[in-house]
Amino acid sequence: MPTIFSKIINGEIPCYRIAENDEFLAFLDISPLEKGHTLIVPKKEIDYIFDLEDDLLVNMHLFSKKVARAIQDSVPCIRIGVAVIGLEVPHAHIHLVPLHSLGSMTFTKERINLSQVEFAEIAQSIRTKFEENI
């Protein structure tokens, strides 16, 4: 059965898309830790990030770097934190989280609520910065 991320990649479930190429999709986390919290997923459905082929793993991090720069240019923050947990969804993914303090990346804290308008505005801002920098 396809993961929720595969359904997002295939357009079966809507998302707030940030960036995409042949190998990866970046989209806003629908239950964010902070405004601009973005997920990077490979289009190839692989559960564990360290099961990715070396080239795919390297390319995923390089793609994440470009997205992180766009987030930092769009969302006020100190820097962008990176996390790989791998337990929430059985599909490899990287979390990019705007940091305001060490507590910004506490995955057990209460998630923030954003309106559809806020999600759309944040996604558009990050997408624009991403496109300017490629």
C-alpha atoms as a PDB file:
ATOM      1  CA  MET A   1       0.000   0.000   0.000  1.00  0.00           C
ATOM      2  CA  PRO A   2       1.411   3.426  -0.934  1.00  0.00           C
ATOM      3  CA  THR A   3       2.464   5.737   1.888  1.00  0.00           C
ATOM      4  CA  ILE A   4       0.779   9.074   2.491  1.00  0.00           C
ATOM      5  CA  PHE A   5       3.875  10.691   0.968  1.00  0.00           C
ATOM      6  CA  SER A   6       3.537   8.598  -2.208  1.00  0.00           C
ATOM      7  CA  LYS A   7      -0.088   9.723  -2.440  1.00  0.00           C
ATOM      8  CA  ILE A   8       1.053  13.347  -2.075  1.00  0.00           C
ATOM      9  CA  ILE A   9       3.744  12.854  -4.746  1.00  0.00           C
ATOM     10  CA  ASN A  10       1.144  11.317  -7.085  1.00  0.00           C
ATOM     11  CA  GLY A  11      -1.296  14.192  -6.514  1.00  0.00           C
ATOM     12  CA  GLU A  12      -3.872  11.996  -4.764  1.00  0.00           C
ATOM     13  CA  ILE A  13      -3.613  14.115  -1.604  1.00  0.00           C
ATOM     14  CA  PRO A  14      -3.147  17.888  -1.833  1.00  0.00           C
ATOM     15  CA  CYS A  15      -0.152  19.626  -0.322  1.00  0.00           C
ATOM     16  CA  TYR A  16       1.537  23.000  -0.208  1.00  0.00           C
ATOM     17  CA  ARG A  17       4.317  22.338  -2.731  1.00  0.00           C
ATOM     18  CA  ILE A  18       7.581  24.200  -2.369  1.00  0.00           C
ATOM     19  CA  ALA A  19       9.901  22.626  -4.936  1.00  0.00           C
ATOM     20  CA  GLU A  20      10.198  19.531  -7.052  1.00  0.00           C
ATOM     21  CA  ASN A  21      12.532  17.798  -9.442  1.00  0.00           C
ATOM     22  CA  ASP A  22      12.711  14.306 -10.956  1.00  0.00           C
ATOM     23  CA  GLU A  23      13.872  12.757  -7.679  1.00  0.00           C
ATOM     24  CA  PHE A  24      12.357  14.797  -4.826  1.00  0.00           C
ATOM     25  CA  LEU A  25       9.393  16.804  -3.620  1.00  0.00           C
ATOM     26  CA  ALA A  26       9.465  19.513  -0.940  1.00  0.00           C
ATOM     27  CA  PHE A  27       6.198  20.536   0.710  1.00  0.00           C
ATOM     28  CA  LEU A  28       5.042  22.187   3.924  1.00  0.00           C
ATOM     29  CA  ASP A  29       4.395  19.934   6.896  1.00  0.00           C
ATOM     30  CA  ILE A  30       0.646  20.117   7.524  1.00  0.00           C
ATOM     31  CA  SER A  31       1.288  19.855  11.276  1.00  0.00           C
ATOM     32  CA  PRO A  32       4.301  22.157  11.628  1.00  0.00           C
ATOM     33  CA  LEU A  33       6.597  22.764  14.553  1.00  0.00           C
ATOM     34  CA  GLU A  34       7.203  26.309  13.221  1.00  0.00           C
ATOM     35  CA  LYS A  35       6.027  28.399  10.264  1.00  0.00           C
ATOM     36  CA  GLY A  36       7.870  27.153   7.197  1.00  0.00           C
ATOM     37  CA  HIS A  37       8.447  23.583   8.493  1.00  0.00           C
ATOM     38  CA  THR A  38       9.083  21.690   5.264  1.00  0.00           C
ATOM     39  CA  LEU A  39       9.440  18.020   4.376  1.00  0.00           C
ATOM     40  CA  ILE A  40      11.761  16.700   1.679  1.00  0.00           C
ATOM     41  CA  VAL A  41      10.805  13.273   0.320  1.00  0.00           C
ATOM     42  CA  PRO A  42      12.278  11.128  -2.422  1.00  0.00           C
ATOM     43  CA  LYS A  43       9.784  10.207  -5.119  1.00  0.00           C
ATOM     44  CA  LYS A  44      11.048   6.648  -4.864  1.00  0.00           C
ATOM     45  CA  GLU A  45       9.226   5.014  -1.945  1.00  0.00           C
ATOM     46  CA  ILE A  46      11.914   3.759   0.428  1.00  0.00           C
ATOM     47  CA  ASP A  47      11.187   3.458   4.147  1.00  0.00           C
ATOM     48  CA  TYR A  48      14.563   4.084   5.777  1.00  0.00           C
ATOM     49  CA  ILE A  49      16.750   6.999   4.740  1.00  0.00           C
ATOM     50  CA  PHE A  50      19.951   4.948   5.063  1.00  0.00           C
ATOM     51  CA  ASP A  51      18.547   2.396   2.618  1.00  0.00           C
ATOM     52  CA  LEU A  52      18.671   5.047  -0.125  1.00  0.00           C
ATOM     53  CA  GLU A  53      21.311   4.500  -2.784  1.00  0.00           C
ATOM     54  CA  ASP A  54      24.350   6.700  -2.133  1.00  0.00           C
ATOM     55  CA  ASP A  55      23.694   9.019  -5.084  1.00  0.00           C
ATOM     56  CA  LEU A  56      20.065   9.478  -4.085  1.00  0.00           C
ATOM     57  CA  LEU A  57      21.009  10.224  -0.461  1.00  0.00           C
ATOM     58  CA  VAL A  58      23.617  12.799  -1.541  1.00  0.00           C
ATOM     59  CA  ASN A  59      21.203  14.412  -4.001  1.00  0.00           C
ATOM     60  CA  MET A  60      18.495  14.539  -1.339  1.00  0.00           C
ATOM     61  CA  HIS A  61      20.768  16.522   0.949  1.00  0.00           C
ATOM     62  CA  LEU A  62      21.832  18.867  -1.856  1.00  0.00           C
ATOM     63  CA  PHE A  63      18.175  19.458  -2.771  1.00  0.00           C
ATOM     64  CA  SER A  64      17.400  20.044   0.927  1.00  0.00           C
ATOM     65  CA  LYS A  65      20.185  22.630   1.095  1.00  0.00           C
ATOM     66  CA  LYS A  66      18.595  24.659  -1.717  1.00  0.00           C
ATOM     67  CA  VAL A  67      15.179  24.450  -0.072  1.00  0.00           C
ATOM     68  CA  ALA A  68      16.650  25.410   3.328  1.00  0.00           C
ATOM     69  CA  ARG A  69      18.166  28.555   1.805  1.00  0.00           C
ATOM     70  CA  ALA A  70      14.789  29.492   0.327  1.00  0.00           C
ATOM     71  CA  ILE A  71      13.072  28.927   3.681  1.00  0.00           C
ATOM     72  CA  GLN A  72      15.651  31.067   5.478  1.00  0.00           C
ATOM     73  CA  ASP A  73      15.163  33.844   2.920  1.00  0.00           C
ATOM     74  CA  SER A  74      11.376  33.685   3.433  1.00  0.00           C
ATOM     75  CA  VAL A  75      10.737  32.984   7.104  1.00  0.00           C
ATOM     76  CA  PRO A  76      12.283  35.036   9.915  1.00  0.00           C
ATOM     77  CA  CYS A  77      14.502  32.660  11.913  1.00  0.00           C
ATOM     78  CA  ILE A  78      18.022  32.206  13.250  1.00  0.00           C
ATOM     79  CA  ARG A  79      18.754  29.289  10.915  1.00  0.00           C
ATOM     80  CA  ILE A  80      17.204  26.118   9.526  1.00  0.00           C
ATOM     81  CA  GLY A  81      17.374  22.926  11.559  1.00  0.00           C
ATOM     82  CA  VAL A  82      17.535  19.504   9.944  1.00  0.00           C
ATOM     83  CA  ALA A  83      16.111  16.313  11.381  1.00  0.00           C
ATOM     84  CA  VAL A  84      15.573  12.759  10.231  1.00  0.00           C
ATOM     85  CA  ILE A  85      13.363  10.797  12.594  1.00  0.00           C
ATOM     86  CA  GLY A  86      11.984   8.117  10.303  1.00  0.00           C
ATOM     87  CA  LEU A  87       9.265   6.732  12.566  1.00  0.00           C
ATOM     88  CA  GLU A  88       6.240   8.844  11.611  1.00  0.00           C
ATOM     89  CA  VAL A  89       5.747   7.674   8.009  1.00  0.00           C
ATOM     90  CA  PRO A  90       7.389   4.622   6.402  1.00  0.00           C
ATOM     91  CA  HIS A  91       8.875   6.759   3.638  1.00  0.00           C
ATOM     92  CA  ALA A  92      12.291   8.414   3.969  1.00  0.00           C
ATOM     93  CA  HIS A  93      12.072  12.151   4.613  1.00  0.00           C
ATOM     94  CA  ILE A  94      13.977  15.118   5.964  1.00  0.00           C
ATOM     95  CA  HIS A  95      12.457  17.814   8.182  1.00  0.00           C
ATOM     96  CA  LEU A  96      13.642  21.392   7.608  1.00  0.00           C
ATOM     97  CA  VAL A  97      12.515  23.557  10.530  1.00  0.00           C
ATOM     98  CA  PRO A  98      13.061  27.300  10.991  1.00  0.00           C
ATOM     99  CA  LEU A  99      14.797  27.734  14.336  1.00  0.00           C
ATOM    100  CA  HIS A 100      14.098  30.469  16.871  1.00  0.00           C
ATOM    101  CA  SER A 101      15.592  28.549  19.817  1.00  0.00           C
ATOM    102  CA  LEU A 102      16.613  25.007  20.748  1.00  0.00           C
ATOM    103  CA  GLY A 103      12.965  24.313  21.521  1.00  0.00           C
ATOM    104  CA  SER A 104      11.967  24.919  17.905  1.00  0.00           C
ATOM    105  CA  MET A 105      12.839  21.313  17.029  1.00  0.00           C
ATOM    106  CA  THR A 106      11.218  19.569  19.950  1.00  0.00           C
ATOM    107  CA  PHE A 107       9.019  17.045  18.173  1.00  0.00           C
ATOM    108  CA  THR A 108       6.966  16.358  21.304  1.00  0.00           C
ATOM    109  CA  LYS A 109       5.838  19.981  21.668  1.00  0.00           C
ATOM    110  CA  GLU A 110       2.408  21.161  20.605  1.00  0.00           C
ATOM    111  CA  ARG A 111       2.223  21.849  16.881  1.00  0.00           C
ATOM    112  CA  ILE A 112       1.180  25.261  15.590  1.00  0.00           C
ATOM    113  CA  ASN A 113      -2.074  25.830  13.728  1.00  0.00           C
ATOM    114  CA  LEU A 114      -2.080  27.769  10.483  1.00  0.00           C
ATOM    115  CA  SER A 115      -4.951  28.714   8.228  1.00  0.00           C
ATOM    116  CA  GLN A 116      -5.078  27.599   4.603  1.00  0.00           C
ATOM    117  CA  VAL A 117      -4.311  31.186   3.629  1.00  0.00           C
ATOM    118  CA  GLU A 118      -1.208  31.238   5.874  1.00  0.00           C
ATOM    119  CA  PHE A 119       0.000  27.894   4.459  1.00  0.00           C
ATOM    120  CA  ALA A 120      -0.522  29.134   0.898  1.00  0.00           C
ATOM    121  CA  GLU A 121       1.294  32.433   1.553  1.00  0.00           C
ATOM    122  CA  ILE A 122       4.259  30.717   3.217  1.00  0.00           C
ATOM    123  CA  ALA A 123       4.500  28.132   0.433  1.00  0.00           C
ATOM    124  CA  GLN A 124       4.389  30.825  -2.250  1.00  0.00           C
ATOM    125  CA  SER A 125       7.067  32.892  -0.519  1.00  0.00           C
ATOM    126  CA  ILE A 126       9.435  29.931  -0.158  1.00  0.00           C
ATOM    127  CA  ARG A 127       8.711  28.709  -3.699  1.00  0.00           C
ATOM    128  CA  THR A 128       9.517  32.147  -5.100  1.00  0.00           C
ATOM    129  CA  LYS A 129      12.844  32.314  -3.246  1.00  0.00           C
ATOM    130  CA  PHE A 130      13.677  28.758  -4.351  1.00  0.00           C
ATOM    131  CA  GLU A 131      13.020  29.623  -8.001  1.00  0.00           C
ATOM    132  CA  GLU A 132      15.125  32.784  -7.721  1.00  0.00           C
ATOM    133  CA  ASN A 133      18.087  30.797  -6.409  1.00  0.00           C
ATOM    134  CA  ILE A 134      18.164  27.898  -8.888  1.00  0.00           C
END
